[in-house]
Amino acid sequence: MFAFLKFVILIFLMGMAFFWQGSVSVNIAGFTADVQMWLLIAIFAVFCYLYNFFVWIFKRVISFFAGAPNHEKGLESLQEAFSALLLKDISAVATRLKRAKKYLGDIPIISWLEGQFNLINGDEHRAKSIFYSLCDKEKHTAFGAYSLSQLAIKNGSNSDALNALDAVLKVQPRAEEFIKQAISIALKSKNFSEAKKHANRLEKSSDRDLMNAVILYEESLYTDDKNAAKKAFKLAPHLEQISLHYAGILQKEREYRDAKKVIMQTFEVAPTRKLFAQYVNCGEQLSIKDKMQSAEKLTYVAPESWIAYFGLAEIEVQEKMYLNAFQNLLVAYSKEQYDFIAELLTDVAEKLKEPKPLSAKEILSRTLDSKSVNFVWQCSVCGREESEWKSICDYCNHVATFNYVEREETKKIQLESKPDFL
């Protein structure tokens, strides 16, 4: 494109000079002559093109004698080597890599493929040697460092993995997956300062806060540091396990009011049955009345949730306060049609001996549609399920990826007998 533009400009200048009929007086060795301007431009153009032509010839000659890389052949050989590597064709990989190196030189991708070739061939020592050498030479890529990190993780060497990931992050400082992998490894090795260093590399403030909360929580578990637990809760007040841990520390120190505030703050945004149980039982020498008052308070904190109503009803059933329990179960059932709510609802209804509100008659006069559920913690990255929340997924090594989910199976609950008042 540039050559064509240069050609057009020269033609235009020659045309303008020709129509202008301008000339230049030239004096060479005492000989003077008038030379047309367009002719001078034409001579200049010829010299430019001759220069470019001789430069091209020179490069071709040098390439021929010096064996300069032939990129087309080199890339073709590299592609064939990669395909052979995937097919685990050992002899073909070795031949193609040798040919690719001849044409392209010792570039990072070729060294990386050589290392992978040695891994497939069972020579891990040689592969690591290649990756170490590659890691020292690389400036704009991280093939060697990445491969070393994966080998270190595979072999369970956390310190080597962290060093290798540091090398990767020097080239790609915003690579989130590598940052999170480094955080995971640092947490597993209880290197909390290293984990915090990597967490602060994350671009999103929400991601930084979540990672730092988990790091501080793990640090508090390991060191029993109350301040770390407090900071973790402030960064992620929605996480059940962090809230329960901090509240547990406050309870041990008999700071029951503060402990209840912590649990209530989490229950308001993410209510769970564990939070309900710890809140209701927070204190010393609690009476049934105290527990019921605490449970009732939580119904106002999270009015859209079934948990506080169901929990309050369970306490009332223990105290044989069936009417109150029945009314709270109706509310809980109207929010979520779980089988265990329906079963307790029918059981309580059968204990009632006198006519009750129409809402009870309306529900119990028909079959109760309900769903059987199983509550689990599921990793949002790999789908692994656990019975409890975990900081790190054991399967994919991602941090803070477990979410509370329900497994549903629809079924019908039949009333064995209707209350006398129906």
Protein backbone atom coordinates (compact mmCIF):
# COMPACT_ATOMS: atom_id res chain seq x y z
CA MET A 1 0.00 0.00 0.00
CA PHE A 2 2.84 2.39 0.87
CA ALA A 3 4.74 1.53 -2.33
CA PHE A 4 1.65 2.24 -4.45
CA LEU A 5 1.11 5.57 -2.70
CA LYS A 6 4.75 6.53 -3.26
CA PHE A 7 4.39 5.64 -6.97
CA VAL A 8 1.26 7.82 -7.34
CA ILE A 9 2.95 10.79 -5.63
CA LEU A 10 5.99 10.56 -7.94
CA ILE A 11 3.79 10.41 -11.05
CA PHE A 12 1.80 13.39 -9.80
CA LEU A 13 4.98 15.44 -9.17
CA MET A 14 6.37 14.53 -12.59
CA GLY A 15 3.09 15.57 -14.24
CA MET A 16 3.04 18.90 -12.42
CA ALA A 17 6.69 19.58 -13.32
CA PHE A 18 6.04 18.68 -16.97
CA PHE A 19 3.11 21.08 -17.32
CA TRP A 20 4.99 23.77 -15.40
CA GLN A 21 7.97 23.36 -17.76
CA GLY A 22 10.37 24.35 -15.00
CA SER A 23 14.10 23.68 -15.23
CA VAL A 24 17.19 23.59 -13.03
CA SER A 25 20.66 24.82 -13.97
CA VAL A 26 23.23 22.09 -13.27
CA ASN A 27 27.02 22.78 -13.20
CA ILE A 28 29.28 19.69 -13.23
CA ALA A 29 33.08 20.04 -13.75
CA GLY A 30 32.68 23.37 -15.51
CA PHE A 31 29.91 22.09 -17.72
CA THR A 32 26.59 23.90 -17.32
CA ALA A 33 23.25 22.64 -18.56
CA ASP A 34 19.56 23.30 -17.96
CA VAL A 35 17.70 20.14 -16.91
CA GLN A 36 13.94 19.87 -16.90
CA MET A 37 12.38 19.48 -13.43
CA TRP A 38 10.25 16.48 -14.45
CA LEU A 39 13.38 14.71 -15.71
CA LEU A 40 15.13 15.21 -12.36
CA ILE A 41 12.11 13.74 -10.54
CA ALA A 42 12.11 10.78 -12.91
CA ILE A 43 15.85 10.17 -12.31
CA PHE A 44 15.27 10.38 -8.54
CA ALA A 45 12.43 7.83 -8.77
CA VAL A 46 14.57 5.43 -10.79
CA PHE A 47 17.38 5.63 -8.21
CA CYS A 48 14.87 4.94 -5.37
CA TYR A 49 13.50 1.84 -7.10
CA LEU A 50 16.99 0.62 -8.04
CA TYR A 51 18.05 1.02 -4.41
CA ASN A 52 15.10 -1.01 -3.16
CA PHE A 53 15.75 -3.67 -5.78
CA PHE A 54 19.42 -4.07 -4.81
CA VAL A 55 18.49 -4.19 -1.10
CA TRP A 56 16.01 -7.01 -1.86
CA ILE A 57 18.68 -8.88 -3.87
CA PHE A 58 21.18 -8.45 -1.02
CA LYS A 59 18.75 -9.86 1.56
CA ARG A 60 17.93 -12.86 -0.61
CA VAL A 61 21.63 -13.64 -1.08
CA ILE A 62 22.34 -13.30 2.65
CA SER A 63 19.32 -15.49 3.47
CA PHE A 64 20.52 -18.16 1.08
CA PHE A 65 24.06 -18.35 2.47
CA ALA A 66 23.24 -17.69 6.15
CA GLY A 67 20.25 -20.01 6.33
CA ALA A 68 17.88 -17.35 7.68
CA PRO A 69 14.49 -18.56 8.96
CA ASN A 70 11.86 -19.56 6.46
CA HIS A 71 8.73 -18.59 8.40
CA GLU A 72 6.27 -20.40 6.19
CA LYS A 73 8.07 -23.74 6.45
CA GLY A 74 8.78 -23.15 10.14
CA LEU A 75 5.14 -22.49 11.00
CA GLU A 76 4.06 -25.51 8.99
CA SER A 77 6.53 -27.71 10.90
CA LEU A 78 5.38 -26.19 14.21
CA GLN A 79 1.76 -26.98 13.41
CA GLU A 80 2.66 -30.55 12.50
CA ALA A 81 4.67 -30.91 15.73
CA PHE A 82 1.73 -29.70 17.80
CA SER A 83 -0.65 -32.12 16.08
CA ALA A 84 1.78 -34.99 16.60
CA LEU A 85 2.11 -34.02 20.27
CA LEU A 86 -1.66 -34.25 20.73
CA LEU A 87 -1.64 -37.65 19.04
CA LYS A 88 1.38 -38.70 21.15
CA ASP A 89 3.33 -39.60 18.01
CA ILE A 90 6.78 -39.43 19.62
CA SER A 91 8.95 -39.85 16.52
CA ALA A 92 6.96 -37.31 14.49
CA VAL A 93 7.16 -34.71 17.29
CA ALA A 94 10.94 -34.94 17.51
CA THR A 95 11.39 -34.62 13.73
CA ARG A 96 8.97 -31.71 13.32
CA LEU A 97 10.37 -29.78 16.28
CA LYS A 98 13.89 -30.10 14.93
CA ARG A 99 12.72 -28.80 11.56
CA ALA A 100 10.72 -25.93 13.13
CA LYS A 101 13.76 -24.86 15.17
CA LYS A 102 15.87 -24.83 12.00
CA TYR A 103 13.55 -22.36 10.29
CA LEU A 104 12.27 -20.27 13.21
CA GLY A 105 15.12 -20.43 15.70
CA ASP A 106 14.84 -21.25 19.41
CA ILE A 107 11.61 -19.33 20.08
CA PRO A 108 9.59 -19.88 23.33
CA ILE A 109 6.78 -21.91 21.78
CA ILE A 110 9.25 -24.44 20.38
CA SER A 111 11.02 -24.83 23.72
CA TRP A 112 7.65 -25.23 25.44
CA LEU A 113 6.65 -27.97 22.98
CA GLU A 114 9.99 -29.69 23.58
CA GLY A 115 9.26 -29.67 27.30
CA GLN A 116 5.78 -31.10 26.75
CA PHE A 117 7.28 -33.71 24.45
CA ASN A 118 9.67 -34.79 27.22
CA LEU A 119 6.79 -34.96 29.71
CA ILE A 120 4.84 -37.28 27.42
CA ASN A 121 8.01 -39.29 26.91
CA GLY A 122 8.31 -39.72 30.70
CA ASP A 123 11.41 -37.56 31.15
CA GLU A 124 10.14 -35.05 33.72
CA HIS A 125 13.67 -34.06 34.78
CA ARG A 126 14.57 -33.00 31.23
CA ALA A 127 11.21 -31.21 30.85
CA LYS A 128 11.77 -29.21 34.03
CA SER A 129 15.26 -28.28 32.85
CA ILE A 130 13.81 -26.94 29.58
CA PHE A 131 11.08 -25.02 31.39
CA TYR A 132 13.57 -23.47 33.84
CA SER A 133 15.79 -22.36 30.95
CA LEU A 134 12.77 -21.01 29.10
CA CYS A 135 11.55 -19.15 32.18
CA ASP A 136 14.90 -17.33 32.49
CA LYS A 137 14.87 -16.23 28.83
CA GLU A 138 11.23 -15.17 28.43
CA LYS A 139 10.27 -11.50 28.60
CA HIS A 140 6.90 -11.21 26.86
CA THR A 141 5.60 -14.77 27.26
CA ALA A 142 5.28 -17.13 30.22
CA PHE A 143 5.28 -20.64 28.74
CA GLY A 144 8.09 -21.84 30.99
CA ALA A 145 6.75 -20.31 34.20
CA TYR A 146 3.24 -21.62 33.54
CA SER A 147 4.50 -25.15 32.90
CA LEU A 148 6.64 -25.08 36.04
CA SER A 149 3.65 -23.95 38.11
CA GLN A 150 1.48 -26.80 36.82
CA LEU A 151 4.23 -29.34 37.50
CA ALA A 152 4.71 -27.96 41.01
CA ILE A 153 0.96 -28.14 41.71
CA LYS A 154 0.86 -31.70 40.39
CA ASN A 155 3.76 -32.71 42.63
CA GLY A 156 2.34 -30.87 45.65
CA SER A 157 5.18 -28.35 45.92
CA ASN A 158 3.45 -25.17 47.05
CA SER A 159 6.59 -23.02 47.32
CA ASP A 160 7.74 -23.92 43.79
CA ALA A 161 4.24 -23.32 42.45
CA LEU A 162 4.09 -19.85 44.04
CA ASN A 163 7.49 -18.91 42.61
CA ALA A 164 6.43 -20.05 39.15
CA LEU A 165 3.10 -18.21 39.35
CA ASP A 166 4.95 -15.06 40.41
CA ALA A 167 6.97 -15.36 37.20
CA VAL A 168 3.75 -15.74 35.17
CA LEU A 169 2.22 -12.68 36.84
CA LYS A 170 5.27 -10.55 36.04
CA VAL A 171 4.39 -11.04 32.36
CA GLN A 172 0.59 -11.00 32.81
CA PRO A 173 -0.01 -9.03 36.03
CA ARG A 174 -3.82 -8.90 35.49
CA ALA A 175 -4.36 -12.59 34.72
CA GLU A 176 -7.14 -13.26 37.24
CA GLU A 177 -7.11 -17.05 36.99
CA PHE A 178 -3.40 -17.17 37.85
CA ILE A 179 -3.92 -14.67 40.68
CA LYS A 180 -6.70 -16.79 42.19
CA GLN A 181 -4.60 -19.93 41.77
CA ALA A 182 -1.76 -18.23 43.64
CA ILE A 183 -4.15 -17.20 46.43
CA SER A 184 -5.40 -20.78 46.72
CA ILE A 185 -1.90 -22.23 46.98
CA ALA A 186 -0.79 -19.58 49.46
CA LEU A 187 -3.82 -20.32 51.67
CA LYS A 188 -3.18 -24.04 51.60
CA SER A 189 0.40 -23.45 52.72
CA LYS A 190 -0.76 -20.96 55.42
CA ASN A 191 1.23 -18.19 53.75
CA PHE A 192 -1.31 -15.45 54.48
CA SER A 193 0.92 -12.48 53.59
CA GLU A 194 1.56 -13.96 50.13
CA ALA A 195 -2.16 -14.61 49.67
CA LYS A 196 -2.98 -10.97 50.56
CA LYS A 197 -0.34 -9.71 48.14
CA HIS A 198 -1.97 -11.58 45.27
CA ALA A 199 -5.52 -10.69 46.36
CA ASN A 200 -4.68 -6.99 46.12
CA ARG A 201 -3.76 -7.49 42.46
CA LEU A 202 -7.39 -8.13 41.54
CA GLU A 203 -8.97 -5.27 39.61
CA LYS A 204 -12.54 -5.43 40.96
CA SER A 205 -12.91 -4.12 44.49
CA SER A 206 -15.66 -6.68 45.19
CA ASP A 207 -13.30 -9.52 44.23
CA ARG A 208 -10.50 -8.05 46.37
CA ASP A 209 -12.80 -7.73 49.38
CA LEU A 210 -14.12 -11.28 49.01
CA MET A 211 -10.64 -12.79 48.68
CA ASN A 212 -9.24 -10.77 51.58
CA ALA A 213 -12.24 -11.78 53.71
CA VAL A 214 -11.55 -15.47 53.08
CA ILE A 215 -7.83 -14.99 53.73
CA LEU A 216 -8.50 -13.22 57.04
CA TYR A 217 -11.04 -15.90 58.00
CA GLU A 218 -8.50 -18.67 57.36
CA GLU A 219 -5.85 -16.69 59.23
CA SER A 220 -8.21 -16.31 62.20
CA LEU A 221 -8.95 -20.05 62.19
CA TYR A 222 -5.21 -20.77 62.22
CA THR A 223 -4.14 -18.11 64.76
CA ASP A 224 -7.42 -17.58 66.69
CA ASP A 225 -7.01 -13.85 65.97
CA LYS A 226 -10.20 -11.99 66.86
CA ASN A 227 -9.21 -8.88 64.88
CA ALA A 228 -8.70 -10.95 61.72
CA ALA A 229 -12.16 -12.49 62.18
CA LYS A 230 -13.68 -9.03 62.67
CA LYS A 231 -12.03 -7.66 59.51
CA ALA A 232 -13.16 -10.72 57.55
CA PHE A 233 -16.75 -10.16 58.67
CA LYS A 234 -16.67 -6.47 57.71
CA LEU A 235 -15.43 -7.36 54.22
CA ALA A 236 -17.94 -10.20 53.64
CA PRO A 237 -20.86 -9.96 56.10
CA HIS A 238 -23.01 -12.11 53.79
CA LEU A 239 -20.93 -15.28 54.22
CA GLU A 240 -22.48 -17.62 56.79
CA GLN A 241 -19.28 -19.35 57.90
CA ILE A 242 -17.37 -16.10 58.47
CA SER A 243 -20.28 -14.67 60.47
CA LEU A 244 -20.65 -17.82 62.58
CA HIS A 245 -16.91 -17.91 63.26
CA TYR A 246 -16.72 -14.28 64.40
CA ALA A 247 -19.90 -14.62 66.47
CA GLY A 248 -18.47 -17.78 68.04
CA ILE A 249 -15.37 -15.87 69.18
CA LEU A 250 -17.56 -13.14 70.68
CA GLN A 251 -19.67 -15.74 72.48
CA LYS A 252 -16.58 -17.32 74.02
CA GLU A 253 -15.73 -13.89 75.42
CA ARG A 254 -19.35 -13.55 76.62
CA GLU A 255 -20.01 -10.61 74.33
CA TYR A 256 -23.46 -11.99 73.52
CA ARG A 257 -25.05 -8.75 72.38
CA ASP A 258 -22.33 -8.12 69.81
CA ALA A 259 -22.47 -11.76 68.71
CA LYS A 260 -26.22 -11.49 68.08
CA LYS A 261 -25.71 -8.28 66.09
CA VAL A 262 -23.20 -10.05 63.85
CA ILE A 263 -25.52 -13.01 63.22
CA MET A 264 -28.53 -10.75 62.64
CA GLN A 265 -26.65 -8.70 60.04
CA THR A 266 -25.87 -11.83 58.04
CA PHE A 267 -29.33 -13.34 58.55
CA GLU A 268 -30.89 -10.22 57.08
CA VAL A 269 -29.15 -10.68 53.71
CA ALA A 270 -28.58 -14.45 53.61
CA PRO A 271 -30.75 -16.32 56.15
CA THR A 272 -29.84 -19.93 56.92
CA ARG A 273 -30.92 -22.43 59.56
CA LYS A 274 -27.45 -22.47 61.12
CA LEU A 275 -27.58 -18.71 61.63
CA PHE A 276 -31.05 -19.03 63.14
CA ALA A 277 -29.92 -21.75 65.57
CA GLN A 278 -26.84 -19.82 66.71
CA TYR A 279 -28.82 -16.61 67.19
CA VAL A 280 -31.59 -18.25 69.24
CA ASN A 281 -29.07 -20.09 71.43
CA CYS A 282 -26.75 -17.12 71.90
CA GLY A 283 -26.52 -16.34 75.61
CA GLU A 284 -26.32 -17.94 79.03
CA GLN A 285 -29.10 -19.79 80.88
CA LEU A 286 -31.66 -19.02 78.21
CA SER A 287 -35.30 -19.74 78.91
CA ILE A 288 -37.80 -20.91 76.32
CA LYS A 289 -39.31 -17.44 76.41
CA ASP A 290 -35.91 -15.90 75.57
CA LYS A 291 -35.50 -18.24 72.63
CA MET A 292 -38.98 -17.52 71.33
CA GLN A 293 -38.41 -13.78 71.57
CA SER A 294 -35.15 -14.13 69.63
CA ALA A 295 -36.85 -16.28 66.98
CA GLU A 296 -39.71 -13.81 66.64
CA LYS A 297 -37.24 -10.98 66.20
CA LEU A 298 -35.70 -12.79 63.24
CA THR A 299 -39.11 -13.02 61.54
CA TYR A 300 -39.01 -9.21 61.32
CA VAL A 301 -35.37 -9.15 60.19
CA ALA A 302 -35.99 -11.42 57.19
CA PRO A 303 -39.77 -11.43 56.63
CA GLU A 304 -39.47 -12.93 53.14
CA SER A 305 -37.73 -16.05 54.43
CA TRP A 306 -39.44 -19.20 55.76
CA ILE A 307 -36.60 -20.03 58.13
CA ALA A 308 -37.45 -17.88 61.15
CA TYR A 309 -41.17 -18.81 61.02
CA PHE A 310 -40.37 -22.52 60.79
CA GLY A 311 -37.75 -22.30 63.55
CA LEU A 312 -40.16 -20.44 65.83
CA ALA A 313 -42.85 -23.05 65.14
CA GLU A 314 -40.46 -25.87 66.08
CA ILE A 315 -39.87 -24.23 69.48
CA GLU A 316 -43.62 -23.77 69.95
CA VAL A 317 -44.27 -27.43 69.10
CA GLN A 318 -41.80 -28.46 71.81
CA GLU A 319 -43.81 -26.35 74.24
CA LYS A 320 -47.10 -27.80 72.88
CA MET A 321 -48.22 -24.36 71.73
CA TYR A 322 -49.87 -25.93 68.70
CA LEU A 323 -52.09 -23.05 67.63
CA ASN A 324 -49.19 -20.57 67.47
CA ALA A 325 -47.01 -23.21 65.82
CA PHE A 326 -49.71 -23.94 63.26
CA GLN A 327 -50.07 -20.27 62.32
CA ASN A 328 -46.31 -19.82 61.92
CA LEU A 329 -46.08 -23.00 59.86
CA LEU A 330 -48.79 -21.67 57.55
CA VAL A 331 -46.66 -18.59 56.95
CA ALA A 332 -43.53 -20.68 56.41
CA TYR A 333 -45.41 -23.00 54.02
CA SER A 334 -46.79 -20.05 52.03
CA LYS A 335 -43.21 -18.96 51.36
CA GLU A 336 -41.69 -22.37 50.51
CA GLN A 337 -43.58 -25.61 49.92
CA TYR A 338 -40.94 -27.93 51.39
CA ASP A 339 -41.96 -31.43 52.44
CA PHE A 340 -40.65 -31.10 56.00
CA ILE A 341 -42.76 -27.96 56.53
CA ALA A 342 -45.83 -29.75 55.14
CA GLU A 343 -45.22 -32.80 57.32
CA LEU A 344 -44.91 -30.75 60.50
CA LEU A 345 -47.91 -28.67 59.44
CA THR A 346 -50.13 -31.75 59.05
CA ASP A 347 -48.82 -33.24 62.26
CA VAL A 348 -49.64 -30.08 64.24
CA ALA A 349 -53.06 -29.77 62.57
CA GLU A 350 -54.01 -33.24 63.75
CA LYS A 351 -53.23 -32.24 67.32
CA LEU A 352 -55.74 -29.39 67.23
CA LYS A 353 -59.19 -30.27 68.71
CA GLU A 354 -61.29 -27.21 68.00
CA PRO A 355 -62.17 -25.14 64.88
CA LYS A 356 -59.41 -22.84 63.71
CA PRO A 357 -59.05 -20.01 61.16
CA LEU A 358 -60.33 -20.47 57.62
CA SER A 359 -56.78 -20.32 56.27
CA ALA A 360 -56.09 -23.63 57.99
CA LYS A 361 -59.27 -25.17 56.62
CA GLU A 362 -58.45 -23.93 53.14
CA ILE A 363 -55.00 -25.53 53.10
CA LEU A 364 -55.80 -28.78 54.87
CA SER A 365 -58.96 -29.51 52.88
CA ARG A 366 -56.82 -30.41 49.88
CA THR A 367 -53.70 -32.40 49.17
CA LEU A 368 -50.53 -30.55 50.05
CA ASP A 369 -48.19 -30.13 47.10
CA SER A 370 -44.66 -30.11 48.42
CA LYS A 371 -41.10 -30.55 47.26
CA SER A 372 -38.40 -32.67 48.78
CA VAL A 373 -35.17 -30.71 48.98
CA ASN A 374 -31.58 -31.32 49.86
CA PHE A 375 -29.56 -28.22 50.78
CA VAL A 376 -25.91 -28.30 49.67
CA TRP A 377 -22.99 -25.98 49.04
CA GLN A 378 -22.00 -26.04 45.37
CA CYS A 379 -18.84 -24.72 43.70
CA SER A 380 -19.82 -22.27 40.97
CA VAL A 381 -16.73 -23.19 38.92
CA CYS A 382 -16.66 -27.00 38.81
CA GLY A 383 -20.04 -27.93 40.33
CA ARG A 384 -18.58 -29.93 43.24
CA GLU A 385 -20.98 -30.25 46.19
CA GLU A 386 -20.17 -30.17 49.90
CA SER A 387 -22.30 -30.42 53.02
CA GLU A 388 -20.58 -27.33 54.47
CA TRP A 389 -19.15 -24.10 53.08
CA LYS A 390 -15.43 -24.27 52.29
CA SER A 391 -12.92 -21.53 51.57
CA ILE A 392 -11.23 -23.54 48.81
CA CYS A 393 -12.72 -26.12 46.48
CA ASP A 394 -10.78 -29.37 46.83
CA TYR A 395 -11.43 -30.26 43.19
CA CYS A 396 -10.66 -27.08 41.19
CA ASN A 397 -8.68 -25.10 43.84
CA HIS A 398 -10.78 -21.95 43.37
CA VAL A 399 -11.35 -19.69 46.37
CA ALA A 400 -14.74 -18.53 47.72
CA THR A 401 -16.83 -20.18 45.00
CA PHE A 402 -19.33 -22.18 47.11
CA ASN A 403 -22.96 -21.08 47.01
CA TYR A 404 -25.93 -22.37 49.00
CA VAL A 405 -28.31 -24.22 46.66
CA GLU A 406 -31.23 -26.62 46.98
CA ARG A 407 -31.76 -29.92 45.21
CA GLU A 408 -35.46 -30.38 44.53
CA GLU A 409 -37.68 -33.44 44.01
CA THR A 410 -41.43 -32.80 43.77
CA LYS A 411 -43.84 -35.11 45.58
CA LYS A 412 -47.23 -35.01 47.33
CA ILE A 413 -47.95 -35.32 51.04
CA GLN A 414 -51.33 -36.94 51.83
CA LEU A 415 -53.15 -36.27 55.08
CA GLU A 416 -53.65 -39.55 56.94
CA SER A 417 -56.69 -38.11 58.72
CA LYS A 418 -58.33 -34.71 58.84
CA PRO A 419 -58.77 -32.73 62.04
CA ASP A 420 -62.15 -32.97 63.76
CA PHE A 421 -63.09 -29.44 62.82
CA LEU A 422 -62.90 -30.04 59.05
